[in-house]
Structure formats: structure tokens, C-alpha cells
Protein backbone atom coordinates (compact mmCIF):
# COMPACT_ATOMS: atom_id res chain seq x y z
CA UNK A 1 47.03 19.62 6.53
CA UNK A 2 47.60 22.34 3.51
CA UNK A 3 44.97 24.45 2.18
CA UNK A 4 44.47 22.93 -1.40
CA UNK A 5 44.15 19.12 0.37
CA UNK A 6 41.40 20.95 3.08
CA UNK A 7 40.03 22.38 -0.19
CA UNK A 8 39.86 18.94 -2.23
CA UNK A 9 38.67 17.21 1.02
CA UNK A 10 36.03 19.99 1.08
CA UNK A 11 34.71 19.06 -2.21
CA UNK A 12 34.88 15.75 -2.16
CA UNK A 13 32.30 15.73 1.20
CA UNK A 14 30.06 18.25 -0.34
CA UNK A 15 29.30 16.61 -3.86
CA UNK A 16 25.51 15.68 -4.00
CA UNK A 17 25.06 12.54 -6.41
CA UNK A 18 22.61 11.79 -8.80
CA UNK A 19 21.42 9.08 -6.57
CA UNK A 20 20.52 11.48 -3.14
CA UNK A 21 19.18 14.20 -5.20
CA UNK A 22 16.48 11.46 -6.53
CA UNK A 23 16.04 10.16 -3.22
CA UNK A 24 15.12 13.62 -1.64
CA UNK A 25 12.57 13.86 -4.16
CA UNK A 26 10.86 10.67 -3.19
CA UNK A 27 11.23 11.17 0.10
CA UNK A 28 8.36 14.39 -1.02
CA UNK A 29 5.80 11.77 -2.04
CA UNK A 30 3.08 13.05 -4.32
CA UNK A 31 3.99 16.53 -5.00
CA UNK A 32 2.14 16.98 -8.30
CA UNK A 33 -0.90 16.09 -6.03
CA UNK A 34 -0.21 17.94 -3.31
CA UNK A 35 0.30 21.22 -5.50
CA UNK A 36 -2.53 20.86 -7.78
CA UNK A 37 -4.66 20.80 -4.48
CA UNK A 38 -2.86 23.48 -2.75
CA UNK A 39 -4.46 27.38 -2.39
CA UNK A 40 -3.19 30.17 -4.33
CA UNK A 41 -1.86 31.83 -1.47
CA UNK A 42 0.37 29.31 -0.35
CA UNK A 43 2.00 28.30 -3.88
CA UNK A 44 3.18 31.77 -3.71
CA UNK A 45 4.65 31.62 -0.68
CA UNK A 46 6.41 28.37 -1.64
CA UNK A 47 7.32 29.38 -4.57
CA UNK A 48 8.85 32.51 -3.16
CA UNK A 49 11.19 30.79 -0.26
CA UNK A 50 12.19 28.34 -3.62
CA UNK A 51 13.39 31.53 -5.28
CA UNK A 52 11.34 30.17 -8.32
CA UNK A 53 11.90 31.75 -11.95
CA UNK A 54 10.32 31.17 -14.39
CA UNK A 55 11.13 32.39 -17.85
CA UNK A 56 9.16 31.49 -21.19
CA UNK A 57 11.63 31.99 -24.80
CA UNK A 58 8.52 32.38 -27.37
CA UNK A 59 10.78 31.69 -30.20
CA UNK A 60 12.17 28.04 -29.16
CA UNK A 61 8.39 27.35 -27.15
CA UNK A 62 10.70 26.82 -23.96
CA UNK A 63 10.04 27.12 -20.69
CA UNK A 64 13.27 27.41 -18.01
CA UNK A 65 12.85 27.16 -14.72
CA UNK A 66 15.47 27.81 -11.75
CA UNK A 67 15.30 27.27 -8.12
CA UNK A 68 18.06 28.79 -5.74
CA UNK A 69 17.56 26.26 -2.82
CA UNK A 70 19.58 27.04 0.61
CA UNK A 71 21.19 23.77 1.38
CA UNK A 72 21.34 22.91 5.33
CA UNK A 73 24.86 21.88 5.90
CA UNK A 74 27.82 21.62 9.13
CA UNK A 75 28.98 24.51 7.81
CA UNK A 76 27.94 27.56 9.65
CA UNK A 77 26.49 29.67 6.66
CA UNK A 78 25.20 26.45 4.61
CA UNK A 79 25.64 26.69 1.44
CA UNK A 80 22.78 27.94 -1.84
CA UNK A 81 22.17 24.99 -5.01
CA UNK A 82 21.10 26.44 -7.71
CA UNK A 83 18.82 23.84 -10.18
CA UNK A 84 17.90 24.47 -13.91
CA UNK A 85 15.39 22.52 -15.73
CA UNK A 86 14.10 23.30 -19.60
CA UNK A 87 11.13 22.20 -21.24
CA UNK A 88 9.96 22.07 -24.46
CA UNK A 89 6.60 22.86 -24.99
CA UNK A 90 4.51 20.91 -27.69
CA UNK A 91 3.28 22.84 -30.85
């Protein structure tokens, strides 16, 4: 097998589908309730471990959130996955 074939196979098998992401989120349960009841020190640790970043853009009245997660895989080092979302705040 050539290196190009190996790379093509790697990219195909490493892809995470939208359905898989939603299934992972659903498996967490009522995250909103749990976070709402959490102690501030524990939340701080969680946000740090998630590498959570929030940036507010006052011109657009938007909050942008990013999180870099470490994904466990069969590889030696695993891989990271950066999530990004944008929330427009009501005026």
C-alpha cells in the first residue's frame, strides 16, 4: 500500500459524523442542569480542561466559543478536535 492510499484510508476512518457527535452529546444527559448546579471551582476546572475560550464581539453583539478537546483514538498520540460555535445575543 502506498503512503497516499494509507493517508486516504486514515482520513476516511478518522472522520466523525454529525450523528456520532449528537449521540455523544445526548449520552451526557442533562448537561444544562448539571452545570447550573455545579460549584464555581469545579466549573473552572472543567472549562480549563476543555480549553474553553469565549470571545465577545460588541459590534456584532456576538459571543464566539471554542473548545479544543483531546480525542482518544487507536493512535499513539490520539488527536485533538477544535469545536467552534457562535451565538448572536438578543438586543
